Amino acid sequence: MMVRERVPLELAANFTSEMKTCATIGIGAGSGTTGQVLVMHEMLGLNLGSMAKFVRNFMRDAQDVRAAFSAYVSAVKNGSFPSNELHAW
């Protein structure tokens, strides 16, 4: 497994298509990777500074932490997160 953080989305997608036996995990690398990761504190809106471009606050519309995690999982599975326009370089 290889993690690609803040890699331009086209490069991350090309790299993933070339990797036949290795999963690629993206953080700010667009939807062209095998999987996604997001720092828990950032996805819950608990950071103290400004949010990176690739962060989405899943707690904003959730009733509790469990619902925020469920929303994140659902968004990754249905392809609505990450958005290449909003959450990638």
C-alpha atoms as a PDB file:
ATOM      1  CA  MET A   1       0.000   0.000   0.000  1.00  0.00           C
ATOM      2  CA  MET A   2       1.223   3.493  -0.833  1.00  0.00           C
ATOM      3  CA  VAL A   3      -0.209   6.744   0.490  1.00  0.00           C
ATOM      4  CA  ARG A   4      -0.305   9.718  -1.860  1.00  0.00           C
ATOM      5  CA  GLU A   5      -0.825  13.022  -0.055  1.00  0.00           C
ATOM      6  CA  ARG A   6      -1.361  16.293  -1.875  1.00  0.00           C
ATOM      7  CA  VAL A   7      -0.349  14.836  -5.222  1.00  0.00           C
ATOM      8  CA  PRO A   8      -1.974  16.348  -8.337  1.00  0.00           C
ATOM      9  CA  LEU A   9      -5.059  14.287  -9.160  1.00  0.00           C
ATOM     10  CA  GLU A  10      -3.914  13.355 -12.692  1.00  0.00           C
ATOM     11  CA  LEU A  11      -0.570  12.076 -11.399  1.00  0.00           C
ATOM     12  CA  ALA A  12      -2.235  10.084  -8.600  1.00  0.00           C
ATOM     13  CA  ALA A  13      -4.700   8.496 -11.057  1.00  0.00           C
ATOM     14  CA  ASN A  14      -1.917   7.620 -13.515  1.00  0.00           C
ATOM     15  CA  PHE A  15       0.185   6.121 -10.742  1.00  0.00           C
ATOM     16  CA  THR A  16      -2.785   4.063  -9.510  1.00  0.00           C
ATOM     17  CA  SER A  17      -3.515   2.728 -13.001  1.00  0.00           C
ATOM     18  CA  GLU A  18       0.106   1.582 -13.337  1.00  0.00           C
ATOM     19  CA  MET A  19       0.162  -0.169  -9.943  1.00  0.00           C
ATOM     20  CA  LYS A  20      -1.092  -3.700 -10.511  1.00  0.00           C
ATOM     21  CA  THR A  21      -0.332  -5.247  -7.122  1.00  0.00           C
ATOM     22  CA  CYS A  22      -0.312  -2.275  -4.754  1.00  0.00           C
ATOM     23  CA  ALA A  23      -3.217  -0.249  -3.404  1.00  0.00           C
ATOM     24  CA  THR A  24      -2.887   3.539  -3.453  1.00  0.00           C
ATOM     25  CA  ILE A  25      -4.482   5.616  -0.722  1.00  0.00           C
ATOM     26  CA  GLY A  26      -5.144   9.297  -1.350  1.00  0.00           C
ATOM     27  CA  ILE A  27      -5.305  12.279   0.939  1.00  0.00           C
ATOM     28  CA  GLY A  28      -5.925  15.333  -1.197  1.00  0.00           C
ATOM     29  CA  ALA A  29      -4.967  13.346  -4.322  1.00  0.00           C
ATOM     30  CA  GLY A  30      -8.406  13.116  -5.906  1.00  0.00           C
ATOM     31  CA  SER A  31     -10.701  10.210  -6.577  1.00  0.00           C
ATOM     32  CA  GLY A  32      -8.323   8.275  -8.840  1.00  0.00           C
ATOM     33  CA  THR A  33      -6.699   6.346  -5.993  1.00  0.00           C
ATOM     34  CA  THR A  34      -7.734   2.941  -4.678  1.00  0.00           C
ATOM     35  CA  GLY A  35      -8.930   4.334  -1.338  1.00  0.00           C
ATOM     36  CA  GLN A  36      -9.144   7.502   0.764  1.00  0.00           C
ATOM     37  CA  VAL A  37      -7.976   8.661   4.171  1.00  0.00           C
ATOM     38  CA  LEU A  38      -8.855  11.780   6.122  1.00  0.00           C
ATOM     39  CA  VAL A  39      -7.469  12.835   9.524  1.00  0.00           C
ATOM     40  CA  MET A  40     -10.151  12.245  12.144  1.00  0.00           C
ATOM     41  CA  HIS A  41      -9.819  15.621  13.862  1.00  0.00           C
ATOM     42  CA  GLU A  42     -10.145  17.440  10.557  1.00  0.00           C
ATOM     43  CA  MET A  43     -13.136  15.422   9.343  1.00  0.00           C
ATOM     44  CA  LEU A  44     -14.862  16.255  12.640  1.00  0.00           C
ATOM     45  CA  GLY A  45     -14.018  19.968  12.372  1.00  0.00           C
ATOM     46  CA  LEU A  46     -11.769  19.904  15.454  1.00  0.00           C
ATOM     47  CA  ASN A  47      -8.731  21.576  13.935  1.00  0.00           C
ATOM     48  CA  LEU A  48      -7.595  24.910  15.349  1.00  0.00           C
ATOM     49  CA  GLY A  49      -6.354  26.517  12.141  1.00  0.00           C
ATOM     50  CA  SER A  50      -7.611  26.779   8.634  1.00  0.00           C
ATOM     51  CA  MET A  51      -8.628  23.587   6.840  1.00  0.00           C
ATOM     52  CA  ALA A  52      -6.617  22.197   3.976  1.00  0.00           C
ATOM     53  CA  LYS A  53      -8.311  22.223   0.578  1.00  0.00           C
ATOM     54  CA  PHE A  54      -8.903  18.464   0.648  1.00  0.00           C
ATOM     55  CA  VAL A  55     -10.709  18.421   4.008  1.00  0.00           C
ATOM     56  CA  ARG A  56     -14.462  18.131   4.361  1.00  0.00           C
ATOM     57  CA  ASN A  57     -16.095  18.605   7.774  1.00  0.00           C
ATOM     58  CA  PHE A  58     -18.452  15.633   8.089  1.00  0.00           C
ATOM     59  CA  MET A  59     -19.519  16.672  11.598  1.00  0.00           C
ATOM     60  CA  ARG A  60     -21.189  19.831  10.270  1.00  0.00           C
ATOM     61  CA  ASP A  61     -24.329  17.963   9.127  1.00  0.00           C
ATOM     62  CA  ALA A  62     -24.138  15.050  11.585  1.00  0.00           C
ATOM     63  CA  GLN A  63     -25.982  14.606  14.873  1.00  0.00           C
ATOM     64  CA  ASP A  64     -23.041  12.844  16.525  1.00  0.00           C
ATOM     65  CA  VAL A  65     -19.553  11.461  15.845  1.00  0.00           C
ATOM     66  CA  ARG A  66     -20.859   8.063  14.769  1.00  0.00           C
ATOM     67  CA  ALA A  67     -23.087   9.722  12.162  1.00  0.00           C
ATOM     68  CA  ALA A  68     -20.123  11.787  10.916  1.00  0.00           C
ATOM     69  CA  PHE A  69     -18.063   8.632  10.394  1.00  0.00           C
ATOM     70  CA  SER A  70     -20.979   6.940   8.644  1.00  0.00           C
ATOM     71  CA  ALA A  71     -21.384   9.963   6.379  1.00  0.00           C
ATOM     72  CA  TYR A  72     -17.667   9.821   5.507  1.00  0.00           C
ATOM     73  CA  VAL A  73     -17.820   6.115   4.660  1.00  0.00           C
ATOM     74  CA  SER A  74     -20.954   6.619   2.562  1.00  0.00           C
ATOM     75  CA  ALA A  75     -19.465   9.599   0.715  1.00  0.00           C
ATOM     76  CA  VAL A  76     -16.299   7.667  -0.183  1.00  0.00           C
ATOM     77  CA  LYS A  77     -18.288   4.607  -1.288  1.00  0.00           C
ATOM     78  CA  ASN A  78     -20.766   6.584  -3.420  1.00  0.00           C
ATOM     79  CA  GLY A  79     -18.020   8.730  -4.942  1.00  0.00           C
ATOM     80  CA  SER A  80     -19.174  12.109  -3.652  1.00  0.00           C
ATOM     81  CA  PHE A  81     -15.959  12.475  -1.611  1.00  0.00           C
ATOM     82  CA  PRO A  82     -13.433  13.441  -2.599  1.00  0.00           C
ATOM     83  CA  SER A  83     -14.663  15.800  -5.266  1.00  0.00           C
ATOM     84  CA  ASN A  84     -11.885  16.366  -7.785  1.00  0.00           C
ATOM     85  CA  GLU A  85     -13.004  19.987  -8.087  1.00  0.00           C
ATOM     86  CA  LEU A  86     -13.132  20.725  -4.351  1.00  0.00           C
ATOM     87  CA  HIS A  87     -10.827  18.264  -2.578  1.00  0.00           C
ATOM     88  CA  ALA A  88      -7.870  17.625  -4.869  1.00  0.00           C
ATOM     89  CA  TRP A  89      -4.748  19.402  -6.105  1.00  0.00           C
END
